[in-house]
PDB file of N, CA and C in Angstrom:
ATOM      1  N   MET A   1       1.478  39.188  11.735  1.00  0.00           N
ATOM      2  CA  MET A   1       1.510  38.161  10.714  1.00  0.00           C
ATOM      3  C   MET A   1       0.351  38.386   9.751  1.00  0.00           C
ATOM      4  N   ASN A   2       0.649  38.217   8.485  1.00  0.00           N
ATOM      5  CA  ASN A   2      -0.428  38.374   7.514  1.00  0.00           C
ATOM      6  C   ASN A   2      -0.914  37.002   7.040  1.00  0.00           C
ATOM      7  N   LEU A   3      -1.963  37.014   6.256  1.00  0.00           N
ATOM      8  CA  LEU A   3      -2.607  35.777   5.817  1.00  0.00           C
ATOM      9  C   LEU A   3      -1.717  34.956   4.904  1.00  0.00           C
ATOM     10  N   SER A   4      -0.971  35.599   4.019  1.00  0.00           N
ATOM     11  CA  SER A   4      -0.116  34.845   3.091  1.00  0.00           C
ATOM     12  C   SER A   4       0.984  34.096   3.846  1.00  0.00           C
ATOM     13  N   PHE A   5       1.522  34.682   4.918  1.00  0.00           N
ATOM     14  CA  PHE A   5       2.533  33.989   5.712  1.00  0.00           C
ATOM     15  C   PHE A   5       1.949  32.733   6.336  1.00  0.00           C
ATOM     16  N   LEU A   6       0.725  32.848   6.884  1.00  0.00           N
ATOM     17  CA  LEU A   6       0.084  31.694   7.505  1.00  0.00           C
ATOM     18  C   LEU A   6      -0.215  30.603   6.487  1.00  0.00           C
ATOM     19  N   LEU A   7      -0.669  30.993   5.289  1.00  0.00           N
ATOM     20  CA  LEU A   7      -0.970  29.999   4.262  1.00  0.00           C
ATOM     21  C   LEU A   7       0.303  29.308   3.778  1.00  0.00           C
ATOM     22  N   ASN A   8       1.367  30.068   3.579  1.00  0.00           N
ATOM     23  CA  ASN A   8       2.631  29.472   3.157  1.00  0.00           C
ATOM     24  C   ASN A   8       3.181  28.540   4.229  1.00  0.00           C
ATOM     25  N   ASN A   9       3.056  28.934   5.479  1.00  0.00           N
ATOM     26  CA  ASN A   9       3.516  28.109   6.581  1.00  0.00           C
ATOM     27  C   ASN A   9       2.712  26.813   6.654  1.00  0.00           C
ATOM     28  N   ALA A  10       1.389  26.910   6.505  1.00  0.00           N
ATOM     29  CA  ALA A  10       0.539  25.724   6.541  1.00  0.00           C
ATOM     30  C   ALA A  10       0.863  24.800   5.372  1.00  0.00           C
ATOM     31  N   LEU A  11       1.114  25.381   4.204  1.00  0.00           N
ATOM     32  CA  LEU A  11       1.469  24.581   3.041  1.00  0.00           C
ATOM     33  C   LEU A  11       2.790  23.856   3.268  1.00  0.00           C
ATOM     34  N   SER A  12       3.757  24.535   3.838  1.00  0.00           N
ATOM     35  CA  SER A  12       5.054  23.914   4.125  1.00  0.00           C
ATOM     36  C   SER A  12       4.909  22.784   5.133  1.00  0.00           C
ATOM     37  N   ILE A  13       4.108  22.993   6.149  1.00  0.00           N
ATOM     38  CA  ILE A  13       3.877  21.945   7.148  1.00  0.00           C
ATOM     39  C   ILE A  13       3.188  20.742   6.508  1.00  0.00           C
ATOM     40  N   GLY A  14       2.213  20.994   5.663  1.00  0.00           N
ATOM     41  CA  GLY A  14       1.509  19.902   4.988  1.00  0.00           C
ATOM     42  C   GLY A  14       2.417  19.102   4.072  1.00  0.00           C
ATOM     43  N   ILE A  15       3.237  19.793   3.294  1.00  0.00           N
ATOM     44  CA  ILE A  15       4.168  19.103   2.409  1.00  0.00           C
ATOM     45  C   ILE A  15       5.195  18.319   3.222  1.00  0.00           C
ATOM     46  N   GLY A  16       5.690  18.929   4.292  1.00  0.00           N
ATOM     47  CA  GLY A  16       6.655  18.237   5.154  1.00  0.00           C
ATOM     48  C   GLY A  16       6.058  16.985   5.785  1.00  0.00           C
ATOM     49  N   ALA A  17       4.823  17.088   6.250  1.00  0.00           N
ATOM     50  CA  ALA A  17       4.169  15.924   6.846  1.00  0.00           C
ATOM     51  C   ALA A  17       3.961  14.829   5.805  1.00  0.00           C
ATOM     52  N   GLY A  18       3.623  15.210   4.583  1.00  0.00           N
ATOM     53  CA  GLY A  18       3.458  14.223   3.521  1.00  0.00           C
ATOM     54  C   GLY A  18       4.755  13.508   3.208  1.00  0.00           C
ATOM     55  N   ILE A  19       5.840  14.256   3.125  1.00  0.00           N
ATOM     56  CA  ILE A  19       7.148  13.649   2.843  1.00  0.00           C
ATOM     57  C   ILE A  19       7.557  12.715   3.982  1.00  0.00           C
ATOM     58  N   LEU A  20       7.343  13.145   5.224  1.00  0.00           N
ATOM     59  CA  LEU A  20       7.668  12.281   6.363  1.00  0.00           C
ATOM     60  C   LEU A  20       6.851  10.998   6.358  1.00  0.00           C
ATOM     61  N   SER A  21       5.578  11.078   6.005  1.00  0.00           N
ATOM     62  CA  SER A  21       4.745   9.879   5.986  1.00  0.00           C
ATOM     63  C   SER A  21       5.194   8.915   4.884  1.00  0.00           C
ATOM     64  N   ILE A  22       5.610   9.434   3.737  1.00  0.00           N
ATOM     65  CA  ILE A  22       6.120   8.577   2.668  1.00  0.00           C
ATOM     66  C   ILE A  22       7.412   7.895   3.109  1.00  0.00           C
ATOM     67  N   LEU A  23       8.313   8.643   3.729  1.00  0.00           N
ATOM     68  CA  LEU A  23       9.562   8.056   4.218  1.00  0.00           C
ATOM     69  C   LEU A  23       9.312   6.996   5.281  1.00  0.00           C
ATOM     70  N   TYR A  24       8.356   7.241   6.154  1.00  0.00           N
ATOM     71  CA  TYR A  24       8.012   6.256   7.193  1.00  0.00           C
ATOM     72  C   TYR A  24       7.422   4.999   6.558  1.00  0.00           C
ATOM     73  N   GLY A  25       6.598   5.157   5.530  1.00  0.00           N
ATOM     74  CA  GLY A  25       6.041   4.008   4.829  1.00  0.00           C
ATOM     75  C   GLY A  25       7.122   3.184   4.149  1.00  0.00           C
ATOM     76  N   ILE A  26       8.097   3.844   3.536  1.00  0.00           N
ATOM     77  CA  ILE A  26       9.215   3.136   2.910  1.00  0.00           C
ATOM     78  C   ILE A  26      10.019   2.392   3.970  1.00  0.00           C
ATOM     79  N   PHE A  27      10.275   3.047   5.094  1.00  0.00           N
ATOM     80  CA  PHE A  27      11.007   2.405   6.188  1.00  0.00           C
ATOM     81  C   PHE A  27      10.285   1.148   6.674  1.00  0.00           C
ATOM     82  N   LEU A  28       8.970   1.239   6.891  1.00  0.00           N
ATOM     83  CA  LEU A  28       8.222   0.077   7.367  1.00  0.00           C
ATOM     84  C   LEU A  28       8.189  -1.038   6.329  1.00  0.00           C
ATOM     85  N   SER A  29       8.072  -0.685   5.055  1.00  0.00           N
ATOM     86  CA  SER A  29       8.078  -1.694   3.997  1.00  0.00           C
ATOM     87  C   SER A  29       9.401  -2.449   3.979  1.00  0.00           C
ATOM     88  N   LEU A  30      10.499  -1.719   4.062  1.00  0.00           N
ATOM     89  CA  LEU A  30      11.811  -2.364   4.077  1.00  0.00           C
ATOM     90  C   LEU A  30      11.993  -3.222   5.321  1.00  0.00           C
ATOM     91  N   LEU A  31      11.468  -2.779   6.444  1.00  0.00           N
ATOM     92  CA  LEU A  31      11.562  -3.550   7.681  1.00  0.00           C
ATOM     93  C   LEU A  31      10.806  -4.871   7.559  1.00  0.00           C
ATOM     94  N   VAL A  32       9.607  -4.831   7.014  1.00  0.00           N
ATOM     95  CA  VAL A  32       8.801  -6.043   6.858  1.00  0.00           C
ATOM     96  C   VAL A  32       9.441  -6.988   5.848  1.00  0.00           C
ATOM     97  N   LEU A  33       9.913  -6.443   4.734  1.00  0.00           N
ATOM     98  CA  LEU A  33      10.507  -7.288   3.696  1.00  0.00           C
ATOM     99  C   LEU A  33      11.835  -7.896   4.124  1.00  0.00           C
ATOM    100  N   SER A  34      12.494  -7.338   5.120  1.00  0.00           N
ATOM    101  CA  SER A  34      13.764  -7.890   5.584  1.00  0.00           C
ATOM    102  C   SER A  34      13.566  -9.095   6.500  1.00  0.00           C
ATOM    103  N   LYS A  35      12.355  -9.313   6.972  1.00  0.00           N
ATOM    104  CA  LYS A  35      12.082 -10.434   7.870  1.00  0.00           C
ATOM    105  C   LYS A  35      11.951 -11.722   7.056  1.00  0.00           C
ATOM    106  N   PRO A  36      12.254 -12.874   7.662  1.00  0.00           N
ATOM    107  CA  PRO A  36      12.115 -14.149   6.939  1.00  0.00           C
ATOM    108  C   PRO A  36      10.644 -14.476   6.662  1.00  0.00           C
ATOM    109  N   ARG A  37      10.410 -15.234   5.585  1.00  0.00           N
ATOM    110  CA  ARG A  37       9.040 -15.572   5.201  1.00  0.00           C
ATOM    111  C   ARG A  37       8.397 -16.567   6.142  1.00  0.00           C
ATOM    112  N   GLY A  38       9.171 -17.386   6.808  1.00  0.00           N
ATOM    113  CA  GLY A  38       8.618 -18.375   7.724  1.00  0.00           C
ATOM    114  C   GLY A  38       9.037 -19.773   7.310  1.00  0.00           C
ATOM    115  N   ASP A  39       8.450 -20.767   7.979  1.00  0.00           N
ATOM    116  CA  ASP A  39       8.821 -22.142   7.667  1.00  0.00           C
ATOM    117  C   ASP A  39       8.067 -22.661   6.438  1.00  0.00           C
ATOM    118  N   LYS A  40       8.300 -23.930   6.102  1.00  0.00           N
ATOM    119  CA  LYS A  40       7.731 -24.518   4.879  1.00  0.00           C
ATOM    120  C   LYS A  40       6.197 -24.512   4.905  1.00  0.00           C
ATOM    121  N   LYS A  41       5.621 -24.865   6.024  1.00  0.00           N
ATOM    122  CA  LYS A  41       4.156 -24.925   6.139  1.00  0.00           C
ATOM    123  C   LYS A  41       3.537 -23.534   5.961  1.00  0.00           C
ATOM    124  N   MET A  42       4.146 -22.526   6.553  1.00  0.00           N
ATOM    125  CA  MET A  42       3.632 -21.162   6.414  1.00  0.00           C
ATOM    126  C   MET A  42       3.689 -20.714   4.957  1.00  0.00           C
ATOM    127  N   ASN A  43       4.765 -21.064   4.250  1.00  0.00           N
ATOM    128  CA  ASN A  43       4.884 -20.694   2.848  1.00  0.00           C
ATOM    129  C   ASN A  43       3.852 -21.408   1.986  1.00  0.00           C
ATOM    130  N   GLU A  44       3.557 -22.678   2.308  1.00  0.00           N
ATOM    131  CA  GLU A  44       2.518 -23.409   1.570  1.00  0.00           C
ATOM    132  C   GLU A  44       1.158 -22.741   1.754  1.00  0.00           C
ATOM    133  N   ILE A  45       0.862 -22.335   2.968  1.00  0.00           N
ATOM    134  CA  ILE A  45      -0.417 -21.669   3.239  1.00  0.00           C
ATOM    135  C   ILE A  45      -0.479 -20.329   2.515  1.00  0.00           C
ATOM    136  N   ALA A  46       0.599 -19.577   2.569  1.00  0.00           N
ATOM    137  CA  ALA A  46       0.638 -18.278   1.895  1.00  0.00           C
ATOM    138  C   ALA A  46       0.475 -18.431   0.390  1.00  0.00           C
ATOM    139  N   ASP A  47       1.096 -19.456  -0.185  1.00  0.00           N
ATOM    140  CA  ASP A  47       0.960 -19.701  -1.625  1.00  0.00           C
ATOM    141  C   ASP A  47      -0.468 -20.086  -1.982  1.00  0.00           C
ATOM    142  N   ALA A  48      -1.114 -20.889  -1.138  1.00  0.00           N
ATOM    143  CA  ALA A  48      -2.499 -21.285  -1.397  1.00  0.00           C
ATOM    144  C   ALA A  48      -3.436 -20.076  -1.311  1.00  0.00           C
ATOM    145  N   VAL A  49      -3.225 -19.225  -0.338  1.00  0.00           N
ATOM    146  CA  VAL A  49      -4.044 -18.015  -0.201  1.00  0.00           C
ATOM    147  C   VAL A  49      -3.845 -17.107  -1.411  1.00  0.00           C
ATOM    148  N   SER A  50      -2.597 -16.959  -1.834  1.00  0.00           N
ATOM    149  CA  SER A  50      -2.294 -16.126  -2.998  1.00  0.00           C
ATOM    150  C   SER A  50      -2.953 -16.677  -4.261  1.00  0.00           C
ATOM    151  N   GLU A  51      -2.903 -17.974  -4.433  1.00  0.00           N
ATOM    152  CA  GLU A  51      -3.534 -18.599  -5.601  1.00  0.00           C
ATOM    153  C   GLU A  51      -5.051 -18.397  -5.578  1.00  0.00           C
ATOM    154  N   GLY A  52      -5.659 -18.563  -4.419  1.00  0.00           N
ATOM    155  CA  GLY A  52      -7.102 -18.355  -4.293  1.00  0.00           C
ATOM    156  C   GLY A  52      -7.494 -16.911  -4.548  1.00  0.00           C
ATOM    157  N   ALA A  53      -6.704 -15.981  -4.042  1.00  0.00           N
ATOM    158  CA  ALA A  53      -6.992 -14.560  -4.255  1.00  0.00           C
ATOM    159  C   ALA A  53      -6.874 -14.206  -5.732  1.00  0.00           C
ATOM    160  N   SER A  54      -5.873 -14.759  -6.406  1.00  0.00           N
ATOM    161  CA  SER A  54      -5.711 -14.492  -7.839  1.00  0.00           C
ATOM    162  C   SER A  54      -6.882 -15.037  -8.636  1.00  0.00           C
ATOM    163  N   ALA A  55      -7.351 -16.230  -8.287  1.00  0.00           N
ATOM    164  CA  ALA A  55      -8.492 -16.822  -8.987  1.00  0.00           C
ATOM    165  C   ALA A  55      -9.754 -15.979  -8.750  1.00  0.00           C
ATOM    166  N   TYR A  56      -9.944 -15.515  -7.533  1.00  0.00           N
ATOM    167  CA  TYR A  56     -11.100 -14.685  -7.207  1.00  0.00           C
ATOM    168  C   TYR A  56     -11.068 -13.382  -8.003  1.00  0.00           C
ATOM    169  N   LEU A  57      -9.919 -12.724  -8.033  1.00  0.00           N
ATOM    170  CA  LEU A  57      -9.818 -11.458  -8.768  1.00  0.00           C
ATOM    171  C   LEU A  57     -10.004 -11.662 -10.264  1.00  0.00           C
ATOM    172  N   LYS A  58      -9.485 -12.755 -10.800  1.00  0.00           N
ATOM    173  CA  LYS A  58      -9.667 -13.043 -12.226  1.00  0.00           C
ATOM    174  C   LYS A  58     -11.148 -13.203 -12.540  1.00  0.00           C
ATOM    175  N   ARG A  59     -11.860 -13.909 -11.682  1.00  0.00           N
ATOM    176  CA  ARG A  59     -13.309 -14.097 -11.877  1.00  0.00           C
ATOM    177  C   ARG A  59     -14.043 -12.757 -11.764  1.00  0.00           C
ATOM    178  N   GLN A  60     -13.694 -11.953 -10.786  1.00  0.00           N
ATOM    179  CA  GLN A  60     -14.340 -10.657 -10.611  1.00  0.00           C
ATOM    180  C   GLN A  60     -14.107  -9.755 -11.821  1.00  0.00           C
ATOM    181  N   TYR A  61     -12.880  -9.708 -12.312  1.00  0.00           N
ATOM    182  CA  TYR A  61     -12.557  -8.863 -13.453  1.00  0.00           C
ATOM    183  C   TYR A  61     -13.298  -9.324 -14.706  1.00  0.00           C
ATOM    184  N   SER A  62     -13.446 -10.643 -14.878  1.00  0.00           N
ATOM    185  CA  SER A  62     -14.146 -11.134 -16.070  1.00  0.00           C
ATOM    186  C   SER A  62     -15.637 -10.782 -15.997  1.00  0.00           C
ATOM    187  N   VAL A  63     -16.229 -10.856 -14.825  1.00  0.00           N
ATOM    188  CA  VAL A  63     -17.653 -10.497 -14.675  1.00  0.00           C
ATOM    189  C   VAL A  63     -17.835  -9.002 -14.903  1.00  0.00           C
ATOM    190  N   VAL A  64     -16.961  -8.183 -14.350  1.00  0.00           N
ATOM    191  CA  VAL A  64     -17.054  -6.732 -14.526  1.00  0.00           C
ATOM    192  C   VAL A  64     -16.839  -6.362 -15.992  1.00  0.00           C
ATOM    193  N   ALA A  65     -15.937  -7.067 -16.663  1.00  0.00           N
ATOM    194  CA  ALA A  65     -15.699  -6.784 -18.090  1.00  0.00           C
ATOM    195  C   ALA A  65     -16.921  -7.111 -18.925  1.00  0.00           C
ATOM    196  N   ILE A  66     -17.577  -8.218 -18.607  1.00  0.00           N
ATOM    197  CA  ILE A  66     -18.800  -8.589 -19.344  1.00  0.00           C
ATOM    198  C   ILE A  66     -19.886  -7.554 -19.111  1.00  0.00           C
ATOM    199  N   ILE A  67     -20.062  -7.119 -17.884  1.00  0.00           N
ATOM    200  CA  ILE A  67     -21.078  -6.098 -17.590  1.00  0.00           C
ATOM    201  C   ILE A  67     -20.714  -4.780 -18.251  1.00  0.00           C
ATOM    202  N   GLY A  68     -19.419  -4.446 -18.252  1.00  0.00           N
ATOM    203  CA  GLY A  68     -18.979  -3.195 -18.868  1.00  0.00           C
ATOM    204  C   GLY A  68     -19.205  -3.158 -20.362  1.00  0.00           C
ATOM    205  N   VAL A  69     -19.042  -4.299 -21.004  1.00  0.00           N
ATOM    206  CA  VAL A  69     -19.224  -4.352 -22.469  1.00  0.00           C
ATOM    207  C   VAL A  69     -20.698  -4.329 -22.763  1.00  0.00           C
TER     208      VAL A  69
END
């Protein structure tokens, strides 16, 4: 076996592993999204957390923008 064969083989394995990991990530995303969101109380909590996270990020971005300017 020569060096170019080994490098091509390693490259093929790396690309194949990358494609498999992307497909597995898509599979897991679809699996999670197919599950129900939960009951009313869980959705209220999730909405409150989402609102708080959005407010926090908005504040962070405005401070970073002021420092950047």
